[in-house]
Amino acid sequence: METREYLRRADAARYLQERFGAYSVQTLAKLACVGGGPVYRKMGAYPVYRPADLDAWAEARMSAPVASSAELPSRRKNAA
């Protein structure tokens, strides 16, 4: 994929799929409403994303390198 300075949402999702194997147009749209997604700008009615912002957001969601899943922090909450 040719890298442009700004990507429309469908192209941003395709970019994330190619680079990280995750995230759909629907996920980006939802996160744009509820928060927690990559930063974007509006160009008229259209949200546009910079590849550098997509990379930074996706990489921030990754864990540190591990050799075993036992090294990952537990996501389970203790029952009270």
N, C-alpha and C. Protein backbone atom coordinates (compact mmCIF):
# COMPACT_ATOMS: atom_id res chain seq x y z
N MET A 1 0.83 -1.18 0.00
CA MET A 1 0.00 0.00 0.00
C MET A 1 0.88 1.24 0.00
N GLU A 2 0.56 2.16 -0.88
CA GLU A 2 1.27 3.42 -0.94
C GLU A 2 0.92 4.23 0.30
N THR A 3 1.90 4.78 0.97
CA THR A 3 1.64 5.55 2.18
C THR A 3 1.39 7.00 1.80
N ARG A 4 0.22 7.49 2.17
CA ARG A 4 -0.14 8.89 1.95
C ARG A 4 -0.06 9.61 3.28
N GLU A 5 -0.09 10.93 3.23
CA GLU A 5 0.01 11.70 4.47
C GLU A 5 -1.23 11.52 5.34
N TYR A 6 -2.41 11.46 4.72
CA TYR A 6 -3.66 11.25 5.45
C TYR A 6 -4.45 10.13 4.80
N LEU A 7 -5.07 9.29 5.63
CA LEU A 7 -5.85 8.16 5.16
C LEU A 7 -7.29 8.31 5.61
N ARG A 8 -8.22 8.07 4.70
CA ARG A 8 -9.63 7.99 5.10
C ARG A 8 -9.81 6.75 5.95
N ARG A 9 -10.93 6.63 6.65
CA ARG A 9 -11.11 5.55 7.63
C ARG A 9 -10.94 4.16 7.03
N ALA A 10 -11.49 3.89 5.86
CA ALA A 10 -11.36 2.56 5.25
C ALA A 10 -9.89 2.26 4.95
N ASP A 11 -9.17 3.26 4.46
CA ASP A 11 -7.74 3.07 4.17
C ASP A 11 -6.95 2.92 5.46
N ALA A 12 -7.35 3.63 6.52
CA ALA A 12 -6.67 3.50 7.82
C ALA A 12 -6.86 2.09 8.37
N ALA A 13 -8.07 1.54 8.26
CA ALA A 13 -8.31 0.18 8.72
C ALA A 13 -7.49 -0.82 7.91
N ARG A 14 -7.43 -0.63 6.60
CA ARG A 14 -6.63 -1.51 5.74
C ARG A 14 -5.15 -1.42 6.12
N TYR A 15 -4.67 -0.21 6.39
CA TYR A 15 -3.28 0.01 6.81
C TYR A 15 -3.00 -0.76 8.11
N LEU A 16 -3.90 -0.64 9.09
CA LEU A 16 -3.71 -1.35 10.36
C LEU A 16 -3.76 -2.86 10.17
N GLN A 17 -4.63 -3.34 9.30
CA GLN A 17 -4.70 -4.77 9.01
C GLN A 17 -3.39 -5.26 8.41
N GLU A 18 -2.86 -4.52 7.45
CA GLU A 18 -1.61 -4.93 6.79
C GLU A 18 -0.42 -4.88 7.73
N ARG A 19 -0.35 -3.85 8.59
CA ARG A 19 0.81 -3.69 9.47
C ARG A 19 0.72 -4.49 10.76
N PHE A 20 -0.51 -4.61 11.32
CA PHE A 20 -0.65 -5.21 12.64
C PHE A 20 -1.62 -6.38 12.68
N GLY A 21 -2.34 -6.61 11.59
CA GLY A 21 -3.27 -7.74 11.53
C GLY A 21 -4.53 -7.55 12.34
N ALA A 22 -4.90 -6.31 12.62
CA ALA A 22 -6.07 -6.07 13.46
C ALA A 22 -6.72 -4.74 13.12
N TYR A 23 -7.97 -4.62 13.55
CA TYR A 23 -8.77 -3.40 13.51
C TYR A 23 -9.50 -3.20 12.19
N SER A 24 -10.80 -2.97 12.33
CA SER A 24 -11.70 -2.81 11.19
C SER A 24 -12.21 -1.38 11.11
N VAL A 25 -12.88 -1.07 10.02
CA VAL A 25 -13.52 0.23 9.85
C VAL A 25 -14.52 0.46 10.98
N GLN A 26 -15.28 -0.59 11.31
CA GLN A 26 -16.28 -0.46 12.36
C GLN A 26 -15.64 -0.17 13.72
N THR A 27 -14.50 -0.81 14.00
CA THR A 27 -13.81 -0.55 15.26
C THR A 27 -13.32 0.89 15.33
N LEU A 28 -12.73 1.38 14.25
CA LEU A 28 -12.25 2.76 14.24
C LEU A 28 -13.42 3.74 14.40
N ALA A 29 -14.55 3.45 13.76
CA ALA A 29 -15.72 4.32 13.87
C ALA A 29 -16.23 4.34 15.31
N LYS A 30 -16.32 3.17 15.93
CA LYS A 30 -16.81 3.10 17.31
C LYS A 30 -15.87 3.85 18.24
N LEU A 31 -14.56 3.62 18.10
CA LEU A 31 -13.60 4.26 18.98
C LEU A 31 -13.58 5.78 18.78
N ALA A 32 -13.90 6.24 17.57
CA ALA A 32 -13.98 7.68 17.33
C ALA A 32 -15.14 8.29 18.12
N CYS A 33 -16.16 7.50 18.40
CA CYS A 33 -17.32 7.97 19.18
C CYS A 33 -17.11 7.83 20.68
N VAL A 34 -16.62 6.68 21.11
CA VAL A 34 -16.53 6.41 22.55
C VAL A 34 -15.16 6.74 23.14
N GLY A 35 -14.17 6.94 22.31
CA GLY A 35 -12.82 7.24 22.78
C GLY A 35 -11.95 6.00 22.84
N GLY A 36 -10.67 6.21 22.94
CA GLY A 36 -9.73 5.12 23.04
C GLY A 36 -9.07 4.74 21.73
N GLY A 37 -9.45 5.38 20.65
CA GLY A 37 -8.87 5.06 19.34
C GLY A 37 -7.73 5.99 18.99
N PRO A 38 -7.21 5.82 17.79
CA PRO A 38 -6.13 6.70 17.34
C PRO A 38 -6.66 8.12 17.11
N VAL A 39 -5.78 9.09 17.28
CA VAL A 39 -6.18 10.47 16.99
C VAL A 39 -6.47 10.60 15.50
N TYR A 40 -7.39 11.49 15.20
CA TYR A 40 -7.74 11.74 13.80
C TYR A 40 -8.09 13.21 13.64
N ARG A 41 -8.23 13.61 12.41
CA ARG A 41 -8.63 14.97 12.09
C ARG A 41 -9.87 14.89 11.21
N LYS A 42 -10.57 15.99 11.06
CA LYS A 42 -11.71 16.01 10.16
C LYS A 42 -11.33 16.83 8.93
N MET A 43 -11.64 16.30 7.78
CA MET A 43 -11.47 17.01 6.52
C MET A 43 -12.87 17.11 5.92
N GLY A 44 -13.53 18.22 6.23
CA GLY A 44 -14.93 18.33 5.88
C GLY A 44 -15.71 17.35 6.75
N ALA A 45 -16.46 16.46 6.10
CA ALA A 45 -17.26 15.47 6.82
C ALA A 45 -16.48 14.19 7.12
N TYR A 46 -15.24 14.10 6.62
CA TYR A 46 -14.51 12.84 6.67
C TYR A 46 -13.42 12.82 7.72
N PRO A 47 -13.38 11.78 8.56
CA PRO A 47 -12.25 11.62 9.47
C PRO A 47 -11.05 11.11 8.67
N VAL A 48 -9.90 11.67 8.97
CA VAL A 48 -8.66 11.22 8.31
C VAL A 48 -7.60 10.97 9.38
N TYR A 49 -6.76 9.99 9.11
CA TYR A 49 -5.74 9.53 10.05
C TYR A 49 -4.37 9.62 9.40
N ARG A 50 -3.36 9.97 10.19
CA ARG A 50 -1.98 9.93 9.72
C ARG A 50 -1.40 8.56 10.05
N PRO A 51 -0.65 7.96 9.12
CA PRO A 51 -0.04 6.66 9.41
C PRO A 51 0.80 6.65 10.68
N ALA A 52 1.53 7.72 10.96
CA ALA A 52 2.36 7.78 12.18
C ALA A 52 1.48 7.70 13.43
N ASP A 53 0.31 8.34 13.40
CA ASP A 53 -0.61 8.27 14.54
C ASP A 53 -1.19 6.87 14.70
N LEU A 54 -1.49 6.21 13.59
CA LEU A 54 -2.00 4.83 13.63
C LEU A 54 -0.95 3.90 14.22
N ASP A 55 0.30 4.06 13.77
CA ASP A 55 1.39 3.22 14.29
C ASP A 55 1.57 3.43 15.79
N ALA A 56 1.59 4.68 16.22
CA ALA A 56 1.80 4.98 17.65
C ALA A 56 0.67 4.39 18.49
N TRP A 57 -0.57 4.51 18.02
CA TRP A 57 -1.72 3.98 18.77
C TRP A 57 -1.65 2.46 18.85
N ALA A 58 -1.40 1.79 17.72
CA ALA A 58 -1.36 0.32 17.71
C ALA A 58 -0.21 -0.19 18.56
N GLU A 59 0.95 0.44 18.47
CA GLU A 59 2.11 -0.02 19.25
C GLU A 59 1.89 0.21 20.74
N ALA A 60 1.16 1.25 21.12
CA ALA A 60 0.88 1.52 22.53
C ALA A 60 -0.05 0.45 23.12
N ARG A 61 -0.80 -0.25 22.28
CA ARG A 61 -1.71 -1.29 22.74
C ARG A 61 -1.03 -2.65 22.89
N MET A 62 0.22 -2.74 22.47
CA MET A 62 0.95 -4.02 22.54
C MET A 62 1.63 -4.17 23.89
N SER A 63 1.80 -5.43 24.30
CA SER A 63 2.55 -5.70 25.52
C SER A 63 4.04 -5.61 25.23
N ALA A 64 4.81 -5.61 26.29
CA ALA A 64 6.26 -5.75 26.14
C ALA A 64 6.54 -7.17 25.63
N PRO A 65 7.69 -7.41 25.02
CA PRO A 65 8.01 -8.78 24.56
C PRO A 65 8.05 -9.75 25.75
N VAL A 66 7.48 -10.93 25.55
CA VAL A 66 7.48 -11.96 26.59
C VAL A 66 7.84 -13.30 25.96
N ALA A 67 8.38 -14.21 26.75
CA ALA A 67 8.70 -15.55 26.29
C ALA A 67 7.59 -16.54 26.65
N SER A 68 6.69 -16.13 27.57
CA SER A 68 5.62 -17.00 28.04
C SER A 68 4.43 -16.15 28.44
N SER A 69 3.23 -16.69 28.26
CA SER A 69 2.05 -15.95 28.68
C SER A 69 2.02 -15.75 30.20
N ALA A 70 2.77 -16.56 30.93
CA ALA A 70 2.85 -16.40 32.39
C ALA A 70 3.52 -15.07 32.76
N GLU A 71 4.28 -14.50 31.85
CA GLU A 71 4.94 -13.22 32.11
C GLU A 71 3.99 -12.02 31.96
N LEU A 72 2.84 -12.24 31.36
CA LEU A 72 1.89 -11.15 31.16
C LEU A 72 1.12 -10.87 32.44
N PRO A 73 0.78 -9.61 32.68
CA PRO A 73 -0.03 -9.31 33.86
C PRO A 73 -1.41 -9.94 33.73
N SER A 74 -1.95 -10.37 34.83
CA SER A 74 -3.27 -10.99 34.84
C SER A 74 -4.33 -9.95 34.56
N ARG A 75 -5.30 -10.28 33.70
CA ARG A 75 -6.41 -9.39 33.42
C ARG A 75 -7.61 -9.74 34.27
N ARG A 76 -7.53 -10.82 35.01
CA ARG A 76 -8.64 -11.29 35.84
C ARG A 76 -8.68 -10.48 37.12
N LYS A 77 -9.88 -10.04 37.47
CA LYS A 77 -10.06 -9.28 38.71
C LYS A 77 -10.42 -10.26 39.82
N ASN A 78 -9.90 -10.00 41.01
CA ASN A 78 -10.21 -10.84 42.16
C ASN A 78 -11.65 -10.67 42.58
N ALA A 79 -12.32 -11.77 42.86
CA ALA A 79 -13.69 -11.71 43.33
C ALA A 79 -13.68 -11.28 44.80
N ALA A 80 -14.56 -10.36 45.15
CA ALA A 80 -14.59 -9.87 46.53
C ALA A 80 -15.51 -10.72 47.39
